[in-house]
Amino acid sequence: MALKNKGGRVREAIVIIGAGLAGLAAAWKLKEKAEVFEASDAVGGVARTYKCKGFSYDLGPHVLYFRNLKTQRWVEEILEGRWRRQARRAKIVIDGEKVDYPIQEGFLQSDRLKRRFLPDLLKVTQCKEGNFKEMAANLYGSALAEDFFMPYNDKLWCHPLDEMDKEWAQRFLPSFPRDDLGRLAKGETLPRGPNAYFFYPEKSGIGTLSQALGEGLSNRIHLSTKVTSINTEEGWVQTNSGTRHHYSYLISTIPLPEILRASVDLPEPARVLAEELKSTGMVFVHLCLAHPLNDDSHWVYFSDPEISFHRISIPRNYSDGMTPPDRGSIVAEVSFPSDKNPDIQTIVEKVKMDTVKSGMVGGLEDIISHDVQVRRYAYVFPTMKGEKAREELRWILKHRDILLAGRYGVWEYANMERALEQGIKAAEALC
């Protein structure tokens, strides 16, 4: 049954803003009922694969984890089997040593790190109270909190950690049973969790998925078409061409602050609430290398505050089609506060130096070219005030016939599976 908009009328005109995974999933479900407006020149959003001088790269590790078998089978059908399951190979560089992820297991591979971290870890209370720093120390011991969890998260989020929403922080600081630690210390291997394996396209990047979703919708997707203003009372959107499109319902997958900024008739309290929405911006620096890296990791974390990036990924290790033969590449992620403008040239030069300093690249002469992508909204995160503001804003928009979907639309830290499911769910509410 279709939802009824203001006045009790049921109409078919549905506008979707954003052709990332959530928007594409909603459009796939709605078929001919929806028009999709995408500001960029290609579909995919952050799950897009870029090409540069024969190299391909994603914006960091974009891999598919599934908890819902129905979603997994649907994606498999969309990709027509053009993917493969891989065992995750993630590493952490801490205090000059490279160990397996997660850190609370990996440090046991180093005698030096074991001597530093194990005594504290054996005495922890497992208490999930207090702010981020206190919680990390309670769960992992003060040494591991100070050497990894605090510097890494400081670098990633660019925001005071003691202002983070406590329930959200617990997701990034999972409890670690003491019994498991004892088994690991004895050299036993623990069963791998659900995120220890992922799916990834066989021949190219993660953009294969968004391209496959968009193939049957090409006449409904309008690229390079940015929605510049929205009138929720009259039910229209205006694009950068000056054209107005009327709608009965609107599904927004673009960043929540942007939909609020574009809406011309929202009450002033809604705009005040929007100021509480926080996120981290990201500069993705892709380095084309003369030689493949001697490292089989999919991605590597760096907690050292002196290293500019918090994580690098190695595209060729996901699929050998991501680089030309006998070449290599790296994608480095450098965070910045989303309300600031990053100095791109300085960041690129620092990334190049730091890939050599960290030992990932042999020398600057191995870097043959680079490419850069900037995302002002990369990782959203709730603060104690922001979580309340988000819920109020969702209520305001829902009562103006605007549904939200996707990581940025809903404003939550979520993976690709959840983005796809949110797009489908939003569409089903209008079917």
Protein backbone atom coordinates (compact mmCIF):
# COMPACT_ATOMS: atom_id res chain seq x y z
CA MET A 1 0.00 0.00 0.00
CA ALA A 2 1.35 3.40 -0.94
CA LEU A 3 1.82 6.02 1.76
CA LYS A 4 -0.36 9.08 1.51
CA ASN A 5 1.14 12.52 1.47
CA LYS A 6 -0.41 15.78 2.67
CA GLY A 7 -4.08 16.00 1.81
CA GLY A 8 -4.45 12.24 1.59
CA ARG A 9 -3.55 12.12 -2.12
CA VAL A 10 -1.53 9.25 -3.52
CA ARG A 11 0.75 10.22 -6.38
CA GLU A 12 3.54 8.39 -8.14
CA ALA A 13 6.13 11.17 -8.47
CA ILE A 14 9.10 10.18 -6.30
CA VAL A 15 12.42 12.01 -6.34
CA ILE A 16 15.62 10.40 -5.08
CA ILE A 17 18.57 12.66 -4.32
CA GLY A 18 21.92 10.90 -4.65
CA ALA A 19 22.98 7.88 -6.73
CA GLY A 20 25.14 6.17 -4.15
CA LEU A 21 24.27 2.63 -3.08
CA ALA A 22 21.23 3.64 -1.01
CA GLY A 23 19.79 5.82 -3.77
CA LEU A 24 20.44 3.20 -6.44
CA ALA A 25 18.85 0.47 -4.32
CA ALA A 26 15.74 2.61 -3.81
CA ALA A 27 15.57 3.39 -7.53
CA TRP A 28 16.03 -0.29 -8.40
CA LYS A 29 13.03 -1.14 -6.21
CA LEU A 30 10.84 1.71 -7.47
CA LYS A 31 11.72 1.25 -11.17
CA GLU A 32 9.80 3.74 -13.32
CA LYS A 33 8.23 5.55 -10.37
CA ALA A 34 11.38 7.47 -9.41
CA GLU A 35 13.72 10.08 -10.83
CA VAL A 36 17.27 10.16 -9.44
CA PHE A 37 19.36 13.34 -9.32
CA GLU A 38 23.11 12.90 -8.81
CA ALA A 39 25.46 15.88 -8.48
CA SER A 40 28.59 14.09 -9.73
CA ASP A 41 29.33 12.70 -13.18
CA ALA A 42 28.97 9.02 -12.21
CA VAL A 43 26.94 6.77 -9.94
CA GLY A 44 28.30 5.16 -6.79
CA GLY A 45 28.88 7.94 -4.28
CA VAL A 46 31.76 6.93 -2.01
CA ALA A 47 31.42 3.36 -3.34
CA ARG A 48 32.77 4.47 -6.70
CA THR A 49 35.94 3.26 -8.41
CA TYR A 50 38.20 5.92 -9.90
CA LYS A 51 40.63 5.48 -12.79
CA CYS A 52 43.92 7.29 -13.29
CA LYS A 53 46.54 6.55 -15.98
CA GLY A 54 45.70 2.86 -16.20
CA PHE A 55 45.30 2.44 -12.42
CA SER A 56 41.99 1.94 -10.59
CA TYR A 57 41.24 2.65 -6.95
CA ASP A 58 38.42 2.87 -4.43
CA LEU A 59 38.11 5.47 -1.69
CA GLY A 60 39.76 3.29 0.92
CA PRO A 61 38.66 -0.25 1.78
CA HIS A 62 35.17 -0.71 0.33
CA VAL A 63 34.34 -4.37 0.78
CA LEU A 64 31.08 -6.24 1.28
CA TYR A 65 30.26 -7.91 4.58
CA PHE A 66 26.89 -9.61 4.89
CA ARG A 67 24.78 -10.47 7.90
CA ASN A 68 21.57 -10.80 5.89
CA LEU A 69 21.48 -13.76 3.51
CA LYS A 70 18.64 -12.22 1.49
CA THR A 71 20.74 -9.11 0.80
CA GLN A 72 23.75 -11.24 -0.08
CA ARG A 73 21.79 -13.26 -2.63
CA TRP A 74 20.33 -10.12 -4.17
CA VAL A 75 23.78 -8.53 -4.59
CA GLU A 76 25.11 -11.79 -6.02
CA GLU A 77 22.30 -11.69 -8.58
CA ILE A 78 23.04 -8.05 -9.43
CA LEU A 79 26.75 -8.82 -9.95
CA GLU A 80 25.99 -12.05 -11.84
CA GLY A 81 28.56 -13.91 -9.79
CA ARG A 82 31.41 -11.52 -10.71
CA TRP A 83 32.90 -11.46 -7.23
CA ARG A 84 34.89 -13.65 -4.89
CA ARG A 85 35.09 -14.25 -1.17
CA GLN A 86 38.39 -13.27 0.43
CA ALA A 87 39.91 -13.72 3.87
CA ARG A 88 40.58 -10.29 5.33
CA ARG A 89 44.27 -9.42 5.60
CA ALA A 90 44.54 -6.34 7.81
CA LYS A 91 47.60 -5.16 9.71
CA ILE A 92 48.49 -2.54 12.29
CA VAL A 93 51.76 -0.62 12.53
CA ILE A 94 52.41 0.29 16.15
CA ASP A 95 55.68 1.44 17.69
CA GLY A 96 57.53 0.47 14.50
CA GLU A 97 56.17 -3.09 14.37
CA LYS A 98 53.58 -4.55 12.02
CA VAL A 99 51.14 -7.00 13.61
CA ASP A 100 47.80 -8.53 12.69
CA TYR A 101 44.50 -6.74 13.23
CA PRO A 102 42.80 -6.55 15.70
CA ILE A 103 45.44 -5.05 17.96
CA GLN A 104 44.20 -6.82 21.10
CA GLU A 105 45.22 -10.08 19.44
CA GLY A 106 48.00 -8.97 17.12
CA PHE A 107 50.32 -7.51 19.75
CA LEU A 108 50.95 -11.05 21.02
CA GLN A 109 53.00 -11.65 17.85
CA SER A 110 55.70 -9.34 19.23
CA ASP A 111 57.63 -10.18 22.39
CA ARG A 112 58.34 -6.49 22.97
CA LEU A 113 54.71 -5.44 22.60
CA LYS A 114 53.60 -8.39 24.69
CA ARG A 115 55.80 -7.25 27.57
CA ARG A 116 54.34 -3.76 27.33
CA PHE A 117 50.63 -4.51 26.89
CA LEU A 118 49.89 -7.93 28.38
CA PRO A 119 50.30 -7.13 32.12
CA ASP A 120 47.75 -4.29 31.94
CA LEU A 121 45.37 -6.27 29.76
CA LEU A 122 45.28 -9.13 32.25
CA LYS A 123 44.15 -6.72 34.98
CA VAL A 124 41.40 -4.80 33.14
CA THR A 125 37.93 -4.41 34.61
CA GLN A 126 35.99 -4.65 31.30
CA CYS A 127 33.89 -1.73 32.58
CA LYS A 128 32.23 0.27 29.78
CA GLU A 129 31.76 3.42 31.83
CA GLY A 130 33.33 6.86 31.58
CA ASN A 131 34.51 8.75 28.51
CA PHE A 132 36.34 7.27 25.53
CA LYS A 133 39.78 7.32 27.16
CA GLU A 134 38.53 5.81 30.42
CA MET A 135 36.57 3.16 28.56
CA ALA A 136 39.61 2.21 26.45
CA ALA A 137 41.80 1.90 29.55
CA ASN A 138 39.16 -0.17 31.35
CA LEU A 139 38.83 -2.56 28.42
CA TYR A 140 42.44 -2.87 27.21
CA GLY A 141 44.69 -1.42 29.87
CA SER A 142 46.26 2.04 30.02
CA ALA A 143 49.33 1.11 27.92
CA LEU A 144 47.35 -0.15 24.92
CA ALA A 145 44.87 2.72 25.28
CA GLU A 146 47.70 5.29 25.25
CA ASP A 147 49.75 3.68 22.47
CA PHE A 148 46.97 2.73 20.06
CA PHE A 149 43.33 3.48 20.81
CA MET A 150 43.73 7.13 21.77
CA PRO A 151 46.24 8.28 19.10
CA TYR A 152 44.56 6.29 16.33
CA ASN A 153 41.08 7.61 17.08
CA ASP A 154 42.36 11.15 17.63
CA LYS A 155 43.88 11.02 14.16
CA LEU A 156 40.82 9.42 12.55
CA TRP A 157 38.02 11.57 13.99
CA CYS A 158 39.70 14.98 14.45
CA HIS A 159 37.28 15.62 17.30
CA PRO A 160 37.56 15.50 21.11
CA LEU A 161 36.96 11.87 22.01
CA ASP A 162 35.36 12.69 25.36
CA GLU A 163 32.48 14.33 23.46
CA MET A 164 31.64 11.16 21.53
CA ASP A 165 28.33 9.42 22.22
CA LYS A 166 29.10 6.64 24.71
CA GLU A 167 26.93 3.95 23.13
CA TRP A 168 28.49 4.65 19.74
CA ALA A 169 32.01 4.56 21.22
CA GLN A 170 31.37 1.07 22.57
CA ARG A 171 31.11 -0.20 18.99
CA PHE A 172 34.75 0.79 18.45
CA LEU A 173 35.87 -0.57 21.79
CA PRO A 174 34.46 -4.11 21.95
CA SER A 175 34.95 -6.22 25.05
CA PHE A 176 37.72 -8.79 24.83
CA PRO A 177 37.13 -11.89 27.00
CA ARG A 178 40.06 -12.68 29.27
CA ASP A 179 39.72 -16.39 28.46
CA ASP A 180 40.40 -15.62 24.79
CA LEU A 181 43.49 -13.65 25.74
CA GLY A 182 44.84 -16.61 27.69
CA ARG A 183 44.26 -18.94 24.75
CA LEU A 184 46.01 -16.55 22.37
CA ALA A 185 48.95 -16.16 24.74
CA LYS A 186 49.35 -19.95 24.62
CA GLY A 187 49.52 -19.83 20.82
CA GLU A 188 45.99 -21.09 20.15
CA THR A 189 44.08 -19.81 17.10
CA LEU A 190 40.62 -18.37 17.78
CA PRO A 191 37.67 -18.86 15.40
CA ARG A 192 37.41 -16.01 12.92
CA GLY A 193 34.42 -13.68 13.29
CA PRO A 194 31.88 -12.70 10.59
CA ASN A 195 34.00 -9.74 9.42
CA ALA A 196 37.05 -11.94 8.86
CA TYR A 197 35.86 -12.59 5.29
CA PHE A 198 34.48 -10.22 2.69
CA PHE A 199 33.24 -10.17 -0.89
CA TYR A 200 34.78 -8.04 -3.62
CA PRO A 201 34.35 -7.83 -7.42
CA GLU A 202 36.60 -10.27 -9.21
CA LYS A 203 38.08 -8.15 -11.99
CA SER A 204 37.78 -4.52 -10.92
CA GLY A 205 36.83 -2.16 -8.09
CA ILE A 206 33.77 -1.81 -5.87
CA GLY A 207 32.27 0.57 -8.44
CA THR A 208 31.25 -2.55 -10.36
CA LEU A 209 28.32 -2.92 -7.96
CA SER A 210 26.93 0.60 -8.41
CA GLN A 211 27.39 0.36 -12.17
CA ALA A 212 25.47 -2.91 -12.22
CA LEU A 213 22.66 -1.41 -10.14
CA GLY A 214 22.44 1.60 -12.42
CA GLU A 215 22.50 -0.26 -15.75
CA GLY A 216 18.76 -0.75 -15.96
CA LEU A 217 17.99 2.73 -14.64
CA SER A 218 19.99 4.90 -17.02
CA ASN A 219 16.92 6.76 -18.29
CA ARG A 220 15.89 7.62 -14.71
CA ILE A 221 19.28 8.76 -13.41
CA HIS A 222 20.32 12.36 -14.11
CA LEU A 223 24.08 12.81 -13.63
CA SER A 224 25.82 16.15 -13.04
CA THR A 225 22.46 17.36 -11.74
CA LYS A 226 22.65 18.89 -8.29
CA VAL A 227 19.53 19.66 -6.29
CA THR A 228 20.06 23.26 -5.20
CA SER A 229 16.79 24.01 -3.42
CA ILE A 230 13.78 22.16 -2.04
CA ASN A 231 10.34 23.43 -1.08
CA THR A 232 8.85 20.79 1.19
CA GLU A 233 5.47 22.52 1.49
CA GLU A 234 4.90 22.83 -2.26
CA GLY A 235 6.68 19.56 -3.05
CA TRP A 236 9.36 20.49 -5.58
CA VAL A 237 13.11 20.38 -6.04
CA GLN A 238 15.12 22.74 -8.22
CA THR A 239 18.35 21.61 -9.87
CA ASN A 240 21.46 23.46 -11.02
CA SER A 241 19.89 23.86 -14.47
CA GLY A 242 17.10 25.94 -12.92
CA THR A 243 14.48 23.27 -13.67
CA ARG A 244 11.87 22.43 -11.04
CA HIS A 245 10.61 18.90 -10.53
CA HIS A 246 7.50 18.26 -8.47
CA TYR A 247 7.29 15.24 -6.22
CA SER A 248 4.89 13.47 -3.93
CA TYR A 249 7.67 11.94 -1.83
CA LEU A 250 11.39 12.51 -1.64
CA ILE A 251 14.13 10.06 -0.63
CA SER A 252 17.34 11.80 0.36
CA THR A 253 20.64 9.93 0.55
CA ILE A 254 22.91 12.98 0.48
CA PRO A 255 24.51 14.25 3.72
CA LEU A 256 21.83 15.32 6.18
CA PRO A 257 23.26 18.85 6.63
CA GLU A 258 23.05 19.35 2.84
CA ILE A 259 19.36 18.42 2.60
CA LEU A 260 18.65 20.84 5.44
CA ARG A 261 20.69 23.56 3.75
CA ALA A 262 18.82 23.10 0.47
CA SER A 263 15.34 23.18 2.05
CA VAL A 264 14.03 26.73 1.80
CA ASP A 265 11.05 26.40 4.14
CA LEU A 266 12.31 24.51 7.17
CA PRO A 267 11.76 26.15 10.57
CA GLU A 268 14.74 27.91 12.12
CA PRO A 269 15.03 25.39 15.01
CA ALA A 270 15.83 22.70 12.42
CA ARG A 271 18.78 24.70 11.14
CA VAL A 272 20.04 25.18 14.69
CA LEU A 273 19.83 21.42 15.27
CA ALA A 274 21.87 20.82 12.11
CA GLU A 275 24.86 22.52 13.74
CA GLU A 276 25.13 19.56 16.12
CA LEU A 277 25.73 17.05 13.29
CA LYS A 278 29.41 16.15 13.24
CA SER A 279 31.56 14.34 10.70
CA THR A 280 35.13 13.86 9.59
CA GLY A 281 36.34 14.91 6.16
CA MET A 282 38.86 12.80 4.27
CA VAL A 283 41.57 13.34 1.68
CA PHE A 284 42.23 10.16 -0.30
CA VAL A 285 45.69 10.22 -1.87
CA HIS A 286 46.26 7.58 -4.55
CA LEU A 287 49.92 6.94 -5.34
CA CYS A 288 50.86 5.12 -8.56
CA LEU A 289 54.00 3.07 -7.96
CA ALA A 290 56.65 1.78 -10.33
CA HIS A 291 56.65 -1.64 -8.65
CA PRO A 292 54.16 -3.84 -6.76
CA LEU A 293 54.46 -3.64 -2.98
CA ASN A 294 56.01 -6.51 -1.10
CA ASP A 295 52.99 -6.65 1.21
CA ASP A 296 49.90 -8.84 0.87
CA SER A 297 47.71 -6.77 3.24
CA HIS A 298 44.39 -5.41 2.05
CA TRP A 299 44.79 -2.46 4.40
CA VAL A 300 47.09 -1.27 7.21
CA TYR A 301 46.32 0.97 10.22
CA PHE A 302 48.80 3.53 11.61
CA SER A 303 48.45 4.96 15.11
CA ASP A 304 51.67 7.03 15.11
CA PRO A 305 50.66 10.74 15.35
CA GLU A 306 53.75 11.66 13.28
CA ILE A 307 52.40 9.70 10.28
CA SER A 308 49.82 11.78 8.40
CA PHE A 309 47.49 8.97 7.38
CA HIS A 310 45.55 6.70 9.70
CA ARG A 311 45.15 3.93 7.12
CA ILE A 312 46.41 2.84 3.73
CA SER A 313 44.92 0.29 1.37
CA ILE A 314 46.61 -1.65 -1.42
CA PRO A 315 44.21 -1.98 -4.39
CA ARG A 316 46.15 -4.73 -6.18
CA ASN A 317 45.63 -7.06 -3.21
CA TYR A 318 41.85 -6.92 -3.71
CA SER A 319 42.06 -7.57 -7.44
CA ASP A 320 45.12 -7.68 -9.70
CA GLY A 321 43.11 -5.78 -12.31
CA MET A 322 43.44 -2.61 -10.23
CA THR A 323 46.95 -1.82 -11.52
CA PRO A 324 48.82 -2.32 -14.80
CA PRO A 325 51.07 -5.40 -14.88
CA ASP A 326 54.20 -5.06 -12.72
CA ARG A 327 52.95 -1.85 -11.09
CA GLY A 328 51.67 -1.09 -7.61
CA SER A 329 49.58 1.51 -5.83
CA ILE A 330 48.53 2.79 -2.42
CA VAL A 331 45.50 4.76 -1.24
CA ALA A 332 46.25 6.79 1.90
CA GLU A 333 43.48 8.32 4.03
CA VAL A 334 44.09 11.62 5.81
CA SER A 335 41.35 13.02 8.04
CA PHE A 336 40.43 16.67 8.47
CA PRO A 337 37.63 18.47 10.37
CA SER A 338 34.72 18.74 7.94
CA ASP A 339 34.26 22.44 8.71
CA LYS A 340 37.84 23.22 7.59
CA ASN A 341 39.50 23.40 4.17
CA PRO A 342 42.47 21.03 3.87
CA ASP A 343 45.75 22.10 2.28
CA ILE A 344 45.82 19.45 -0.44
CA GLN A 345 49.33 20.11 -1.76
CA THR A 346 50.85 19.92 1.72
CA ILE A 347 48.93 16.74 2.51
CA VAL A 348 50.04 15.03 -0.71
CA GLU A 349 53.70 15.82 -0.11
CA LYS A 350 53.48 14.67 3.51
CA VAL A 351 51.77 11.42 2.45
CA LYS A 352 54.54 10.70 -0.04
CA MET A 353 57.21 11.28 2.61
CA ASP A 354 55.32 9.21 5.18
CA THR A 355 54.87 6.21 2.90
CA VAL A 356 58.67 6.12 2.64
CA LYS A 357 59.19 6.86 6.35
CA SER A 358 56.83 4.03 7.32
CA GLY A 359 58.57 1.58 4.99
CA MET A 360 55.54 1.04 2.76
CA VAL A 361 57.38 2.54 -0.25
CA GLY A 362 61.09 2.10 -0.91
CA GLY A 363 61.79 5.68 -1.99
CA LEU A 364 60.20 8.78 -3.49
CA GLU A 365 61.56 7.73 -6.89
CA ASP A 366 59.14 4.76 -6.81
CA ILE A 367 56.14 7.14 -6.93
CA ILE A 368 55.40 7.84 -10.58
CA SER A 369 52.19 9.88 -10.21
CA HIS A 370 49.31 10.60 -7.87
CA ASP A 371 45.62 11.42 -7.81
CA VAL A 372 43.50 12.98 -5.06
CA GLN A 373 39.84 12.81 -4.04
CA VAL A 374 38.38 14.90 -1.22
CA ARG A 375 35.20 14.13 0.71
CA ARG A 376 33.98 16.72 3.18
CA TYR A 377 31.66 14.13 4.68
CA ALA A 378 33.52 10.82 4.99
CA TYR A 379 32.76 9.39 8.42
CA VAL A 380 29.81 10.65 10.42
CA PHE A 381 29.81 10.23 14.17
CA PRO A 382 27.35 11.04 16.96
CA THR A 383 28.23 13.28 19.84
CA MET A 384 26.09 13.33 22.97
CA LYS A 385 24.21 16.38 21.65
CA GLY A 386 24.27 15.28 18.01
CA GLU A 387 22.37 12.04 18.53
CA LYS A 388 19.35 13.88 19.95
CA ALA A 389 19.51 16.45 17.14
CA ARG A 390 19.61 13.72 14.49
CA GLU A 391 16.44 12.06 15.81
CA GLU A 392 14.56 15.36 15.93
CA LEU A 393 15.61 16.23 12.38
CA ARG A 394 14.54 12.84 11.04
CA TRP A 395 11.11 13.37 12.63
CA ILE A 396 10.79 16.86 11.11
CA LEU A 397 11.70 15.64 7.62
CA LYS A 398 9.49 12.55 7.78
CA HIS A 399 6.49 14.76 8.50
CA ARG A 400 7.38 16.75 5.39
CA ASP A 401 7.33 13.61 3.19
CA ILE A 402 11.12 13.22 3.11
CA LEU A 403 12.55 9.79 3.85
CA LEU A 404 16.25 9.30 4.61
CA ALA A 405 18.50 6.42 3.59
CA GLY A 406 22.20 5.59 3.52
CA ARG A 407 25.14 6.46 5.73
CA TYR A 408 24.95 10.18 5.03
CA GLY A 409 21.20 10.55 4.68
CA VAL A 410 20.44 8.80 7.97
CA TRP A 411 23.68 10.21 9.40
CA GLU A 412 25.13 7.09 10.94
CA TYR A 413 28.29 5.02 10.72
CA ALA A 414 27.16 2.11 8.55
CA ASN A 415 28.51 -0.32 5.96
CA MET A 416 27.45 -0.95 2.38
CA GLU A 417 25.03 -3.75 3.23
CA ARG A 418 23.11 -1.42 5.52
CA ALA A 419 23.07 1.35 2.90
CA LEU A 420 21.54 -1.03 0.35
CA GLU A 421 18.96 -2.25 2.85
CA GLN A 422 18.00 1.28 3.88
CA GLY A 423 17.45 2.21 0.24
CA ILE A 424 15.19 -0.79 -0.28
CA LYS A 425 13.31 -0.09 2.96
CA ALA A 426 12.67 3.54 2.01
CA ALA A 427 11.36 2.46 -1.38
CA GLU A 428 9.13 -0.23 0.12
CA ALA A 429 7.52 2.38 2.36
CA LEU A 430 6.30 4.09 -0.82
CA CYS A 431 5.20 1.01 -2.77
